[in-house]
C-alpha cells in the first residue's frame, strides 16, 4: 500500500533506537468512514516499539479499496473497527484541548481508589467531550471525558 505523507497521522509516539529504521505494517483496520488505523513496527524489533498511525483517504470507497489491495494477511485487512462503539465529540462547539496522538493523563476515580495512568489520545476533544484513548503500553482502550489540557477522567 503506497500513501503520501499528507495521508498519515501519528496516533502514538514513535520511538526508535536508530534513525530511519525499516518499518512494516502489521495490521490495518477501517476506522470511521475514510480512515484506517495501522499498527506499525520495525522490521528489526529491537529498533523500535510498535506504534499506531492513521491513514486518511478522500472517501470510504478509496479507504476500503486500499485495504483490500494491501498485502496484509487475509482476515485482518478490512476488519472494521467500527464494530466497537464509535465515540464522537459530545461538545463539538468546545475548542479541542487534547489532540489525537498526544500523551495525557487518565484519572480513574472510585469511592476508595484513585489511579493516574499515562494514555495516548486517539481523538481530538474539548472540555466535556468523551473521546477514545489507549494506555501508553497500547494494551487497553478507554472512553474518557476531557477535563482540561492533557487531563481526562473515567468514573467508576
Protein backbone atom coordinates (compact mmCIF):
# COMPACT_ATOMS: atom_id res chain seq x y z
CA UNK A 1 0.00 0.00 0.00
CA UNK A 2 1.50 3.34 -1.02
CA UNK A 3 0.47 6.51 0.79
CA UNK A 4 1.63 10.11 0.86
CA UNK A 5 2.87 11.95 3.95
CA UNK A 6 -0.30 14.07 3.90
CA UNK A 7 -2.40 10.92 4.48
CA UNK A 8 -0.52 9.88 7.64
CA UNK A 9 -1.22 11.00 11.20
CA UNK A 10 0.59 9.62 14.26
CA UNK A 11 -1.75 8.23 16.93
CA UNK A 12 1.05 7.37 19.31
CA UNK A 13 4.65 8.33 19.75
CA UNK A 14 7.19 6.53 17.55
CA UNK A 15 10.45 5.87 19.40
CA UNK A 16 13.44 4.26 17.65
CA UNK A 17 17.00 3.41 18.63
CA UNK A 18 18.36 4.49 15.24
CA UNK A 19 17.41 6.95 12.51
CA UNK A 20 15.11 5.78 9.71
CA UNK A 21 14.55 2.15 10.71
CA UNK A 22 12.82 -0.08 8.16
CA UNK A 23 9.12 -0.18 9.06
CA UNK A 24 6.36 -2.63 8.25
CA UNK A 25 2.59 -2.57 8.70
CA UNK A 26 1.32 -5.33 10.98
CA UNK A 27 -2.42 -4.76 10.62
CA UNK A 28 -4.84 -2.18 9.30
CA UNK A 29 -8.41 -1.68 10.47
CA UNK A 30 -11.08 0.57 8.98
CA UNK A 31 -11.64 3.47 11.34
CA UNK A 32 -14.63 5.64 10.61
CA UNK A 33 -15.66 6.32 7.01
CA UNK A 34 -12.43 7.19 5.22
CA UNK A 35 -9.64 6.30 7.62
CA UNK A 36 -7.67 3.29 8.75
CA UNK A 37 -5.73 2.69 11.95
CA UNK A 38 -2.47 0.91 11.13
CA UNK A 39 -0.22 -0.86 13.62
CA UNK A 40 3.41 -0.34 12.58
CA UNK A 41 6.62 -1.95 13.83
CA UNK A 42 10.27 -2.04 12.86
CA UNK A 43 11.39 -4.99 10.74
CA UNK A 44 14.12 -5.48 13.38
CA UNK A 45 12.05 -5.49 16.60
CA UNK A 46 15.00 -4.22 18.66
CA UNK A 47 14.98 -0.90 16.81
CA UNK A 48 11.59 0.46 17.92
CA UNK A 49 8.41 -0.27 19.82
CA UNK A 50 5.18 -0.78 17.85
CA UNK A 51 3.12 2.36 17.23
CA UNK A 52 -0.11 3.40 15.51
CA UNK A 53 -0.74 5.74 12.60
CA UNK A 54 -3.95 6.81 10.95
CA UNK A 55 -4.28 6.90 7.18
CA UNK A 56 -6.84 9.15 5.51
CA UNK A 57 -8.40 8.82 2.07
CA UNK A 58 -10.82 11.13 0.23
CA UNK A 59 -13.77 8.79 0.81
CA UNK A 60 -14.86 5.44 2.26
CA UNK A 61 -14.63 3.63 -1.09
CA UNK A 62 -10.97 4.63 -1.53
CA UNK A 63 -10.15 3.50 2.03
CA UNK A 64 -11.85 0.12 1.56
CA UNK A 65 -10.17 -0.40 -1.81
CA UNK A 66 -6.71 0.41 -0.41
CA UNK A 67 -7.12 -2.02 2.48
CA UNK A 68 -8.45 -4.78 0.21
CA UNK A 69 -5.45 -4.31 -2.10
CA UNK A 70 -2.91 -4.27 0.73
CA UNK A 71 -0.51 -7.14 1.30
CA UNK A 72 -1.65 -7.60 4.89
CA UNK A 73 -2.77 -11.09 5.94
CA UNK A 74 -6.27 -12.12 4.88
CA UNK A 75 -8.89 -11.69 7.56
CA UNK A 76 -7.13 -8.70 9.11
CA UNK A 77 -7.13 -6.17 6.29
CA UNK A 78 -10.52 -4.55 6.10
CA UNK A 79 -11.67 -5.66 9.54
CA UNK A 80 -13.99 -2.90 10.60
CA UNK A 81 -13.10 -1.23 13.86
CA UNK A 82 -16.49 0.40 13.87
CA UNK A 83 -17.89 -2.85 15.25
CA UNK A 84 -16.83 -1.20 18.51
CA UNK A 85 -18.80 1.86 19.61
CA UNK A 86 -17.59 4.93 17.76
CA UNK A 87 -17.22 7.91 20.07
CA UNK A 88 -17.84 11.36 18.65
CA UNK A 89 -17.13 14.61 20.42
CA UNK A 90 -20.16 15.26 22.61
CA UNK A 91 -19.44 19.01 22.75
CA UNK A 92 -18.32 19.91 19.22
CA UNK A 93 -18.54 23.67 19.91
CA UNK A 94 -15.79 23.44 22.56
CA UNK A 95 -12.26 24.03 21.19
CA UNK A 96 -10.01 20.97 21.35
CA UNK A 97 -7.71 20.92 24.40
CA UNK A 98 -6.39 17.41 23.70
CA UNK A 99 -5.23 16.24 20.29
CA UNK A 100 -5.05 12.84 18.61
CA UNK A 101 -1.63 11.28 19.21
CA UNK A 102 -0.80 13.41 22.26
CA UNK A 103 0.12 11.96 25.63
CA UNK A 104 -2.25 12.74 28.50
CA UNK A 105 -3.14 11.54 32.00
CA UNK A 106 -6.28 9.48 32.65
CA UNK A 107 -7.61 9.68 36.20
CA UNK A 108 -9.74 6.71 37.26
CA UNK A 109 -11.57 7.60 40.43
CA UNK A 110 -13.70 5.41 42.64
CA UNK A 111 -15.01 5.71 46.18
CA UNK A 112 -11.73 4.47 47.72
CA UNK A 113 -9.46 4.41 44.72
CA UNK A 114 -7.66 6.94 42.54
CA UNK A 115 -5.40 5.83 39.69
CA UNK A 116 -3.49 8.04 37.27
CA UNK A 117 -2.48 6.36 34.03
CA UNK A 118 -0.45 7.71 31.12
CA UNK A 119 -2.53 7.42 27.92
CA UNK A 120 -2.40 8.40 24.27
CA UNK A 121 -5.38 10.27 22.85
CA UNK A 122 -6.95 8.64 19.81
CA UNK A 123 -9.23 11.60 19.10
CA UNK A 124 -9.26 15.39 19.46
CA UNK A 125 -11.60 16.75 22.14
CA UNK A 126 -12.70 19.83 24.02
CA UNK A 127 -13.59 20.09 27.71
CA UNK A 128 -16.54 17.79 28.44
CA UNK A 129 -16.12 15.68 25.29
CA UNK A 130 -15.90 11.89 25.57
CA UNK A 131 -13.01 10.58 23.48
CA UNK A 132 -11.18 7.30 22.92
CA UNK A 133 -7.73 6.87 24.47
CA UNK A 134 -5.34 3.94 24.83
CA UNK A 135 -2.91 3.04 27.57
CA UNK A 136 0.71 4.02 26.94
CA UNK A 137 1.58 0.32 26.62
CA UNK A 138 -1.12 0.04 23.92
CA UNK A 139 -2.85 -2.88 25.68
CA UNK A 140 -6.11 -1.24 26.80
CA UNK A 141 -8.56 1.24 25.29
CA UNK A 142 -10.83 3.56 27.28
CA UNK A 143 -13.54 6.12 26.62
CA UNK A 144 -12.82 9.10 28.87
CA UNK A 145 -14.14 12.59 29.48
CA UNK A 146 -11.83 15.54 28.77
CA UNK A 147 -11.35 17.62 31.94
CA UNK A 148 -8.63 20.05 30.83
CA UNK A 149 -5.44 20.17 28.79
CA UNK A 150 -3.85 16.70 28.92
CA UNK A 151 -6.21 15.55 31.71
CA UNK A 152 -9.06 13.06 31.30
CA UNK A 153 -11.29 11.24 33.76
CA UNK A 154 -13.05 7.91 33.96
CA UNK A 155 -15.54 7.46 36.79
CA UNK A 156 -16.08 4.10 38.49
